[in-house]
Amino acid sequence: MAKLPRNALEGSVDLDFEETEEHWNAYALSDGTTIKVKLVLRGVKRLKRFEPDGTPIYVINSINVVRALNVPPDLKAKPKKSEMAPV
């Protein structure tokens, strides 16, 4: 991943977007756990910079949502009591 110069965001354009599809990627880990990962887009900027082929460069703000499934019992810790009082 290339580092952007400090002034790279100057003159950038915030873009609106709508979710058309969000997919989960699943990975089987060597310890027997399956993890699912999904990137969730939070914001997009189009820079006034371009790739060598002329394509505009976009910067995204995103989060990764991660779920662990099929965790082997010997890897799990003892559950903790909830710190929140029921509503």
PDB file of N, CA and C in Angstrom:
ATOM      1  N   MET A   1       0.844  -1.171   0.000  1.00  0.00           N
ATOM      2  CA  MET A   1       0.000   0.000   0.000  1.00  0.00           C
ATOM      3  C   MET A   1       0.887   1.231   0.000  1.00  0.00           C
ATOM      4  N   ALA A   2       0.663   2.108  -0.924  1.00  0.00           N
ATOM      5  CA  ALA A   2       1.471   3.319  -1.040  1.00  0.00           C
ATOM      6  C   ALA A   2       1.008   4.364  -0.035  1.00  0.00           C
ATOM      7  N   LYS A   3       1.975   5.112   0.493  1.00  0.00           N
ATOM      8  CA  LYS A   3       1.631   6.218   1.382  1.00  0.00           C
ATOM      9  C   LYS A   3       1.259   7.425   0.542  1.00  0.00           C
ATOM     10  N   LEU A   4       0.231   8.122   0.973  1.00  0.00           N
ATOM     11  CA  LEU A   4      -0.188   9.332   0.276  1.00  0.00           C
ATOM     12  C   LEU A   4       0.538  10.533   0.867  1.00  0.00           C
ATOM     13  N   PRO A   5       0.897  11.497   0.037  1.00  0.00           N
ATOM     14  CA  PRO A   5       1.493  12.723   0.568  1.00  0.00           C
ATOM     15  C   PRO A   5       0.492  13.454   1.460  1.00  0.00           C
ATOM     16  N   ARG A   6       0.997  14.289   2.353  1.00  0.00           N
ATOM     17  CA  ARG A   6       0.135  15.015   3.296  1.00  0.00           C
ATOM     18  C   ARG A   6      -0.970  15.805   2.599  1.00  0.00           C
ATOM     19  N   ASN A   7      -0.686  16.345   1.444  1.00  0.00           N
ATOM     20  CA  ASN A   7      -1.670  17.186   0.758  1.00  0.00           C
ATOM     21  C   ASN A   7      -2.572  16.401  -0.201  1.00  0.00           C
ATOM     22  N   ALA A   8      -2.536  15.080  -0.155  1.00  0.00           N
ATOM     23  CA  ALA A   8      -3.295  14.260  -1.112  1.00  0.00           C
ATOM     24  C   ALA A   8      -4.803  14.476  -1.016  1.00  0.00           C
ATOM     25  N   LEU A   9      -5.309  14.824   0.174  1.00  0.00           N
ATOM     26  CA  LEU A   9      -6.756  14.993   0.332  1.00  0.00           C
ATOM     27  C   LEU A   9      -7.242  16.384  -0.059  1.00  0.00           C
ATOM     28  N   GLU A  10      -6.310  17.300  -0.328  1.00  0.00           N
ATOM     29  CA  GLU A  10      -6.713  18.647  -0.741  1.00  0.00           C
ATOM     30  C   GLU A  10      -7.472  18.576  -2.063  1.00  0.00           C
ATOM     31  N   GLY A  11      -8.648  19.169  -2.081  1.00  0.00           N
ATOM     32  CA  GLY A  11      -9.455  19.171  -3.296  1.00  0.00           C
ATOM     33  C   GLY A  11     -10.161  17.859  -3.570  1.00  0.00           C
ATOM     34  N   SER A  12     -10.085  16.906  -2.625  1.00  0.00           N
ATOM     35  CA  SER A  12     -10.772  15.629  -2.836  1.00  0.00           C
ATOM     36  C   SER A  12     -12.281  15.839  -2.769  1.00  0.00           C
ATOM     37  N   VAL A  13     -13.004  14.896  -3.337  1.00  0.00           N
ATOM     38  CA  VAL A  13     -14.463  14.983  -3.406  1.00  0.00           C
ATOM     39  C   VAL A  13     -15.063  13.847  -2.586  1.00  0.00           C
ATOM     40  N   ASP A  14     -15.919  14.191  -1.600  1.00  0.00           N
ATOM     41  CA  ASP A  14     -16.662  13.171  -0.859  1.00  0.00           C
ATOM     42  C   ASP A  14     -17.767  12.640  -1.759  1.00  0.00           C
ATOM     43  N   LEU A  15     -17.875  11.325  -1.832  1.00  0.00           N
ATOM     44  CA  LEU A  15     -18.870  10.700  -2.703  1.00  0.00           C
ATOM     45  C   LEU A  15     -19.934   9.978  -1.884  1.00  0.00           C
ATOM     46  N   ASP A  16     -21.185  10.137  -2.281  1.00  0.00           N
ATOM     47  CA  ASP A  16     -22.265   9.350  -1.702  1.00  0.00           C
ATOM     48  C   ASP A  16     -22.208   7.954  -2.313  1.00  0.00           C
ATOM     49  N   PHE A  17     -22.745   6.993  -1.607  1.00  0.00           N
ATOM     50  CA  PHE A  17     -22.772   5.619  -2.124  1.00  0.00           C
ATOM     51  C   PHE A  17     -23.955   4.896  -1.514  1.00  0.00           C
ATOM     52  N   GLU A  18     -24.340   3.801  -2.156  1.00  0.00           N
ATOM     53  CA  GLU A  18     -25.355   2.926  -1.587  1.00  0.00           C
ATOM     54  C   GLU A  18     -24.848   1.502  -1.668  1.00  0.00           C
ATOM     55  N   GLU A  19     -25.183   0.739  -0.661  1.00  0.00           N
ATOM     56  CA  GLU A  19     -24.767  -0.660  -0.610  1.00  0.00           C
ATOM     57  C   GLU A  19     -25.555  -1.437  -1.659  1.00  0.00           C
ATOM     58  N   THR A  20     -24.840  -2.124  -2.545  1.00  0.00           N
ATOM     59  CA  THR A  20     -25.520  -2.990  -3.507  1.00  0.00           C
ATOM     60  C   THR A  20     -25.364  -4.451  -3.105  1.00  0.00           C
ATOM     61  N   GLU A  21     -24.209  -4.796  -2.561  1.00  0.00           N
ATOM     62  CA  GLU A  21     -23.967  -6.144  -2.036  1.00  0.00           C
ATOM     63  C   GLU A  21     -22.846  -6.060  -1.017  1.00  0.00           C
ATOM     64  N   GLU A  22     -22.946  -6.857   0.034  1.00  0.00           N
ATOM     65  CA  GLU A  22     -21.838  -7.015   0.978  1.00  0.00           C
ATOM     66  C   GLU A  22     -21.680  -8.512   1.200  1.00  0.00           C
ATOM     67  N   HIS A  23     -20.516  -9.014   0.895  1.00  0.00           N
ATOM     68  CA  HIS A  23     -20.269 -10.450   0.984  1.00  0.00           C
ATOM     69  C   HIS A  23     -19.371 -10.776   2.172  1.00  0.00           C
ATOM     70  N   TRP A  24     -19.611 -11.932   2.753  1.00  0.00           N
ATOM     71  CA  TRP A  24     -18.727 -12.466   3.780  1.00  0.00           C
ATOM     72  C   TRP A  24     -17.686 -13.348   3.093  1.00  0.00           C
ATOM     73  N   ASN A  25     -16.430 -13.217   3.490  1.00  0.00           N
ATOM     74  CA  ASN A  25     -15.371 -14.130   3.066  1.00  0.00           C
ATOM     75  C   ASN A  25     -15.138 -15.089   4.218  1.00  0.00           C
ATOM     76  N   ALA A  26     -15.056 -16.383   3.941  1.00  0.00           N
ATOM     77  CA  ALA A  26     -14.863 -17.390   4.984  1.00  0.00           C
ATOM     78  C   ALA A  26     -13.471 -17.993   4.849  1.00  0.00           C
ATOM     79  N   TYR A  27     -12.827 -18.207   6.005  1.00  0.00           N
ATOM     80  CA  TYR A  27     -11.475 -18.753   6.039  1.00  0.00           C
ATOM     81  C   TYR A  27     -11.412 -19.869   7.069  1.00  0.00           C
ATOM     82  N   ALA A  28     -10.854 -21.020   6.677  1.00  0.00           N
ATOM     83  CA  ALA A  28     -10.638 -22.134   7.593  1.00  0.00           C
ATOM     84  C   ALA A  28      -9.234 -21.991   8.167  1.00  0.00           C
ATOM     85  N   LEU A  29      -9.144 -21.829   9.480  1.00  0.00           N
ATOM     86  CA  LEU A  29      -7.849 -21.651  10.135  1.00  0.00           C
ATOM     87  C   LEU A  29      -7.256 -22.994  10.532  1.00  0.00           C
ATOM     88  N   SER A  30      -5.949 -23.031  10.703  1.00  0.00           N
ATOM     89  CA  SER A  30      -5.254 -24.282  11.014  1.00  0.00           C
ATOM     90  C   SER A  30      -5.629 -24.832  12.385  1.00  0.00           C
ATOM     91  N   ASP A  31      -6.209 -23.999  13.285  1.00  0.00           N
ATOM     92  CA  ASP A  31      -6.608 -24.497  14.605  1.00  0.00           C
ATOM     93  C   ASP A  31      -8.034 -25.056  14.608  1.00  0.00           C
ATOM     94  N   GLY A  32      -8.681 -25.109  13.441  1.00  0.00           N
ATOM     95  CA  GLY A  32     -10.028 -25.653  13.338  1.00  0.00           C
ATOM     96  C   GLY A  32     -11.127 -24.608  13.342  1.00  0.00           C
ATOM     97  N   THR A  33     -10.798 -23.374  13.662  1.00  0.00           N
ATOM     98  CA  THR A  33     -11.775 -22.286  13.685  1.00  0.00           C
ATOM     99  C   THR A  33     -12.074 -21.832  12.261  1.00  0.00           C
ATOM    100  N   THR A  34     -13.298 -21.414  12.034  1.00  0.00           N
ATOM    101  CA  THR A  34     -13.666 -20.749  10.789  1.00  0.00           C
ATOM    102  C   THR A  34     -13.916 -19.292  11.130  1.00  0.00           C
ATOM    103  N   ILE A  35     -13.325 -18.376  10.367  1.00  0.00           N
ATOM    104  CA  ILE A  35     -13.659 -16.970  10.563  1.00  0.00           C
ATOM    105  C   ILE A  35     -14.320 -16.445   9.298  1.00  0.00           C
ATOM    106  N   LYS A  36     -15.260 -15.554   9.517  1.00  0.00           N
ATOM    107  CA  LYS A  36     -15.912 -14.861   8.414  1.00  0.00           C
ATOM    108  C   LYS A  36     -15.579 -13.385   8.562  1.00  0.00           C
ATOM    109  N   VAL A  37     -15.238 -12.747   7.438  1.00  0.00           N
ATOM    110  CA  VAL A  37     -14.833 -11.347   7.440  1.00  0.00           C
ATOM    111  C   VAL A  37     -15.629 -10.607   6.370  1.00  0.00           C
ATOM    112  N   LYS A  38     -16.100  -9.409   6.745  1.00  0.00           N
ATOM    113  CA  LYS A  38     -16.840  -8.573   5.798  1.00  0.00           C
ATOM    114  C   LYS A  38     -16.324  -7.147   5.922  1.00  0.00           C
ATOM    115  N   LEU A  39     -16.006  -6.530   4.798  1.00  0.00           N
ATOM    116  CA  LEU A  39     -15.615  -5.129   4.773  1.00  0.00           C
ATOM    117  C   LEU A  39     -16.885  -4.291   4.645  1.00  0.00           C
ATOM    118  N   VAL A  40     -17.039  -3.305   5.532  1.00  0.00           N
ATOM    119  CA  VAL A  40     -18.203  -2.417   5.495  1.00  0.00           C
ATOM    120  C   VAL A  40     -17.707  -1.007   5.200  1.00  0.00           C
ATOM    121  N   LEU A  41     -18.157  -0.468   4.095  1.00  0.00           N
ATOM    122  CA  LEU A  41     -17.738   0.855   3.648  1.00  0.00           C
ATOM    123  C   LEU A  41     -18.429   1.934   4.468  1.00  0.00           C
ATOM    124  N   ARG A  42     -17.640   2.912   4.954  1.00  0.00           N
ATOM    125  CA  ARG A  42     -18.198   4.018   5.741  1.00  0.00           C
ATOM    126  C   ARG A  42     -18.095   5.357   5.019  1.00  0.00           C
ATOM    127  N   GLY A  43     -17.159   5.482   4.088  1.00  0.00           N
ATOM    128  CA  GLY A  43     -16.999   6.737   3.366  1.00  0.00           C
ATOM    129  C   GLY A  43     -16.050   6.571   2.198  1.00  0.00           C
ATOM    130  N   VAL A  44     -16.196   7.436   1.179  1.00  0.00           N
ATOM    131  CA  VAL A  44     -15.354   7.379  -0.022  1.00  0.00           C
ATOM    132  C   VAL A  44     -14.977   8.794  -0.435  1.00  0.00           C
ATOM    133  N   LYS A  45     -13.712   8.980  -0.778  1.00  0.00           N
ATOM    134  CA  LYS A  45     -13.228  10.239  -1.348  1.00  0.00           C
ATOM    135  C   LYS A  45     -12.543   9.929  -2.675  1.00  0.00           C
ATOM    136  N   ARG A  46     -12.778  10.776  -3.671  1.00  0.00           N
ATOM    137  CA  ARG A  46     -12.043  10.678  -4.932  1.00  0.00           C
ATOM    138  C   ARG A  46     -10.999  11.786  -4.908  1.00  0.00           C
ATOM    139  N   LEU A  47      -9.750  11.375  -5.069  1.00  0.00           N
ATOM    140  CA  LEU A  47      -8.651  12.334  -5.028  1.00  0.00           C
ATOM    141  C   LEU A  47      -8.466  13.010  -6.376  1.00  0.00           C
ATOM    142  N   LYS A  48      -7.730  14.092  -6.362  1.00  0.00           N
ATOM    143  CA  LYS A  48      -7.337  14.739  -7.623  1.00  0.00           C
ATOM    144  C   LYS A  48      -5.985  14.166  -8.043  1.00  0.00           C
ATOM    145  N   ARG A  49      -5.880  12.857  -7.961  1.00  0.00           N
ATOM    146  CA  ARG A  49      -4.681  12.116  -8.352  1.00  0.00           C
ATOM    147  C   ARG A  49      -5.148  10.940  -9.198  1.00  0.00           C
ATOM    148  N   PHE A  50      -4.243  10.441 -10.041  1.00  0.00           N
ATOM    149  CA  PHE A  50      -4.641   9.402 -10.984  1.00  0.00           C
ATOM    150  C   PHE A  50      -3.579   8.321 -11.078  1.00  0.00           C
ATOM    151  N   GLU A  51      -4.030   7.103 -11.372  1.00  0.00           N
ATOM    152  CA  GLU A  51      -3.129   5.990 -11.667  1.00  0.00           C
ATOM    153  C   GLU A  51      -2.477   6.273 -13.020  1.00  0.00           C
ATOM    154  N   PRO A  52      -1.381   5.574 -13.342  1.00  0.00           N
ATOM    155  CA  PRO A  52      -0.729   5.791 -14.635  1.00  0.00           C
ATOM    156  C   PRO A  52      -1.656   5.588 -15.840  1.00  0.00           C
ATOM    157  N   ASP A  53      -2.683   4.731 -15.691  1.00  0.00           N
ATOM    158  CA  ASP A  53      -3.606   4.507 -16.815  1.00  0.00           C
ATOM    159  C   ASP A  53      -4.729   5.547 -16.875  1.00  0.00           C
ATOM    160  N   GLY A  54      -4.704   6.537 -15.969  1.00  0.00           N
ATOM    161  CA  GLY A  54      -5.707   7.595 -15.969  1.00  0.00           C
ATOM    162  C   GLY A  54      -6.875   7.377 -15.020  1.00  0.00           C
ATOM    163  N   THR A  55      -6.935   6.220 -14.385  1.00  0.00           N
ATOM    164  CA  THR A  55      -8.013   5.925 -13.443  1.00  0.00           C
ATOM    165  C   THR A  55      -7.869   6.796 -12.195  1.00  0.00           C
ATOM    166  N   PRO A  56      -8.956   7.433 -11.736  1.00  0.00           N
ATOM    167  CA  PRO A  56      -8.856   8.241 -10.519  1.00  0.00           C
ATOM    168  C   PRO A  56      -8.570   7.364  -9.302  1.00  0.00           C
ATOM    169  N   ILE A  57      -7.899   7.945  -8.323  1.00  0.00           N
ATOM    170  CA  ILE A  57      -7.583   7.229  -7.087  1.00  0.00           C
ATOM    171  C   ILE A  57      -8.657   7.557  -6.053  1.00  0.00           C
ATOM    172  N   TYR A  58      -9.158   6.526  -5.401  1.00  0.00           N
ATOM    173  CA  TYR A  58     -10.179   6.662  -4.364  1.00  0.00           C
ATOM    174  C   TYR A  58      -9.579   6.261  -3.025  1.00  0.00           C
ATOM    175  N   VAL A  59     -10.000   6.942  -1.972  1.00  0.00           N
ATOM    176  CA  VAL A  59      -9.623   6.588  -0.607  1.00  0.00           C
ATOM    177  C   VAL A  59     -10.907   6.193   0.104  1.00  0.00           C
ATOM    178  N   ILE A  60     -10.863   5.079   0.826  1.00  0.00           N
ATOM    179  CA  ILE A  60     -12.064   4.637   1.527  1.00  0.00           C
ATOM    180  C   ILE A  60     -11.842   4.636   3.031  1.00  0.00           C
ATOM    181  N   ASN A  61     -12.935   4.827   3.761  1.00  0.00           N
ATOM    182  CA  ASN A  61     -12.978   4.638   5.202  1.00  0.00           C
ATOM    183  C   ASN A  61     -13.851   3.410   5.397  1.00  0.00           C
ATOM    184  N   SER A  62     -13.313   2.386   6.045  1.00  0.00           N
ATOM    185  CA  SER A  62     -14.066   1.145   6.185  1.00  0.00           C
ATOM    186  C   SER A  62     -13.759   0.486   7.515  1.00  0.00           C
ATOM    187  N   ILE A  63     -14.595  -0.474   7.873  1.00  0.00           N
ATOM    188  CA  ILE A  63     -14.341  -1.319   9.032  1.00  0.00           C
ATOM    189  C   ILE A  63     -14.435  -2.769   8.567  1.00  0.00           C
ATOM    190  N   ASN A  64     -13.762  -3.642   9.290  1.00  0.00           N
ATOM    191  CA  ASN A  64     -13.866  -5.076   9.048  1.00  0.00           C
ATOM    192  C   ASN A  64     -14.708  -5.685  10.161  1.00  0.00           C
ATOM    193  N   VAL A  65     -15.736  -6.415   9.788  1.00  0.00           N
ATOM    194  CA  VAL A  65     -16.545  -7.147  10.750  1.00  0.00           C
ATOM    195  C   VAL A  65     -16.048  -8.586  10.713  1.00  0.00           C
ATOM    196  N   VAL A  66     -15.690  -9.134  11.883  1.00  0.00           N
ATOM    197  CA  VAL A  66     -15.112 -10.477  11.955  1.00  0.00           C
ATOM    198  C   VAL A  66     -15.952 -11.336  12.897  1.00  0.00           C
ATOM    199  N   ARG A  67     -16.299 -12.538  12.433  1.00  0.00           N
ATOM    200  CA  ARG A  67     -17.024 -13.508  13.251  1.00  0.00           C
ATOM    201  C   ARG A  67     -16.225 -14.797  13.299  1.00  0.00           C
ATOM    202  N   ALA A  68     -16.094 -15.358  14.487  1.00  0.00           N
ATOM    203  CA  ALA A  68     -15.432 -16.654  14.650  1.00  0.00           C
ATOM    204  C   ALA A  68     -16.511 -17.723  14.807  1.00  0.00           C
ATOM    205  N   LEU A  69     -16.405 -18.780  14.003  1.00  0.00           N
ATOM    206  CA  LEU A  69     -17.367 -19.879  14.033  1.00  0.00           C
ATOM    207  C   LEU A  69     -16.621 -21.189  14.226  1.00  0.00           C
ATOM    208  N   ASN A  70     -17.333 -22.184  14.712  1.00  0.00           N
ATOM    209  CA  ASN A  70     -16.760 -23.530  14.856  1.00  0.00           C
ATOM    210  C   ASN A  70     -15.459 -23.522  15.653  1.00  0.00           C
ATOM    211  N   VAL A  71     -15.384 -22.682  16.684  1.00  0.00           N
ATOM    212  CA  VAL A  71     -14.170 -22.614  17.505  1.00  0.00           C
ATOM    213  C   VAL A  71     -14.088 -23.894  18.327  1.00  0.00           C
ATOM    214  N   PRO A  72     -12.961 -24.620  18.254  1.00  0.00           N
ATOM    215  CA  PRO A  72     -12.825 -25.833  19.052  1.00  0.00           C
ATOM    216  C   PRO A  72     -12.992 -25.518  20.545  1.00  0.00           C
ATOM    217  N   PRO A  73     -13.701 -26.379  21.282  1.00  0.00           N
ATOM    218  CA  PRO A  73     -13.967 -26.118  22.705  1.00  0.00           C
ATOM    219  C   PRO A  73     -12.708 -25.867  23.535  1.00  0.00           C
ATOM    220  N   ASP A  74     -11.599 -26.540  23.218  1.00  0.00           N
ATOM    221  CA  ASP A  74     -10.381 -26.360  24.018  1.00  0.00           C
ATOM    222  C   ASP A  74      -9.731 -24.987  23.811  1.00  0.00           C
ATOM    223  N   LEU A  75     -10.185 -24.216  22.830  1.00  0.00           N
ATOM    224  CA  LEU A  75      -9.650 -22.870  22.607  1.00  0.00           C
ATOM    225  C   LEU A  75     -10.492 -21.788  23.279  1.00  0.00           C
ATOM    226  N   LYS A  76     -11.673 -22.165  23.753  1.00  0.00           N
ATOM    227  CA  LYS A  76     -12.576 -21.177  24.341  1.00  0.00           C
ATOM    228  C   LYS A  76     -12.246 -20.936  25.810  1.00  0.00           C
ATOM    229  N   ALA A  77     -12.382 -19.676  26.238  1.00  0.00           N
ATOM    230  CA  ALA A  77     -12.241 -19.322  27.647  1.00  0.00           C
ATOM    231  C   ALA A  77     -13.596 -19.490  28.322  1.00  0.00           C
ATOM    232  N   LYS A  78     -13.574 -19.512  29.646  1.00  0.00           N
ATOM    233  CA  LYS A  78     -14.817 -19.604  30.396  1.00  0.00           C
ATOM    234  C   LYS A  78     -15.605 -18.311  30.179  1.00  0.00           C
ATOM    235  N   PRO A  79     -16.903 -18.407  29.862  1.00  0.00           N
ATOM    236  CA  PRO A  79     -17.694 -17.189  29.642  1.00  0.00           C
ATOM    237  C   PRO A  79     -17.720 -16.302  30.884  1.00  0.00           C
ATOM    238  N   LYS A  80     -17.694 -14.985  30.650  1.00  0.00           N
ATOM    239  CA  LYS A  80     -17.768 -14.023  31.752  1.00  0.00           C
ATOM    240  C   LYS A  80     -19.217 -13.627  31.968  1.00  0.00           C
ATOM    241  N   LYS A  81     -19.509 -13.189  33.196  1.00  0.00           N
ATOM    242  CA  LYS A  81     -20.847 -12.688  33.481  1.00  0.00           C
ATOM    243  C   LYS A  81     -21.022 -11.345  32.802  1.00  0.00           C
ATOM    244  N   SER A  82     -22.228 -11.079  32.363  1.00  0.00           N
ATOM    245  CA  SER A  82     -22.527  -9.811  31.718  1.00  0.00           C
ATOM    246  C   SER A  82     -22.368  -8.675  32.716  1.00  0.00           C
ATOM    247  N   GLU A  83     -21.721  -7.589  32.279  1.00  0.00           N
ATOM    248  CA  GLU A  83     -21.539  -6.426  33.142  1.00  0.00           C
ATOM    249  C   GLU A  83     -22.701  -5.459  33.019  1.00  0.00           C
ATOM    250  N   MET A  84     -23.583  -5.703  32.070  1.00  0.00           N
ATOM    251  CA  MET A  84     -24.734  -4.821  31.870  1.00  0.00           C
ATOM    252  C   MET A  84     -25.956  -5.408  32.560  1.00  0.00           C
ATOM    253  N   ALA A  85     -26.689  -4.543  33.256  1.00  0.00           N
ATOM    254  CA  ALA A  85     -27.918  -4.985  33.894  1.00  0.00           C
ATOM    255  C   ALA A  85     -28.999  -5.139  32.826  1.00  0.00           C
ATOM    256  N   PRO A  86     -29.859  -6.139  32.963  1.00  0.00           N
ATOM    257  CA  PRO A  86     -30.943  -6.292  31.988  1.00  0.00           C
ATOM    258  C   PRO A  86     -31.854  -5.071  32.005  1.00  0.00           C
ATOM    259  N   VAL A  87     -32.418  -4.777  30.871  1.00  0.00           N
ATOM    260  CA  VAL A  87     -33.308  -3.610  30.750  1.00  0.00           C
ATOM    261  C   VAL A  87     -34.724  -4.016  31.034  1.00  0.00           C
TER     262      VAL A  87
END
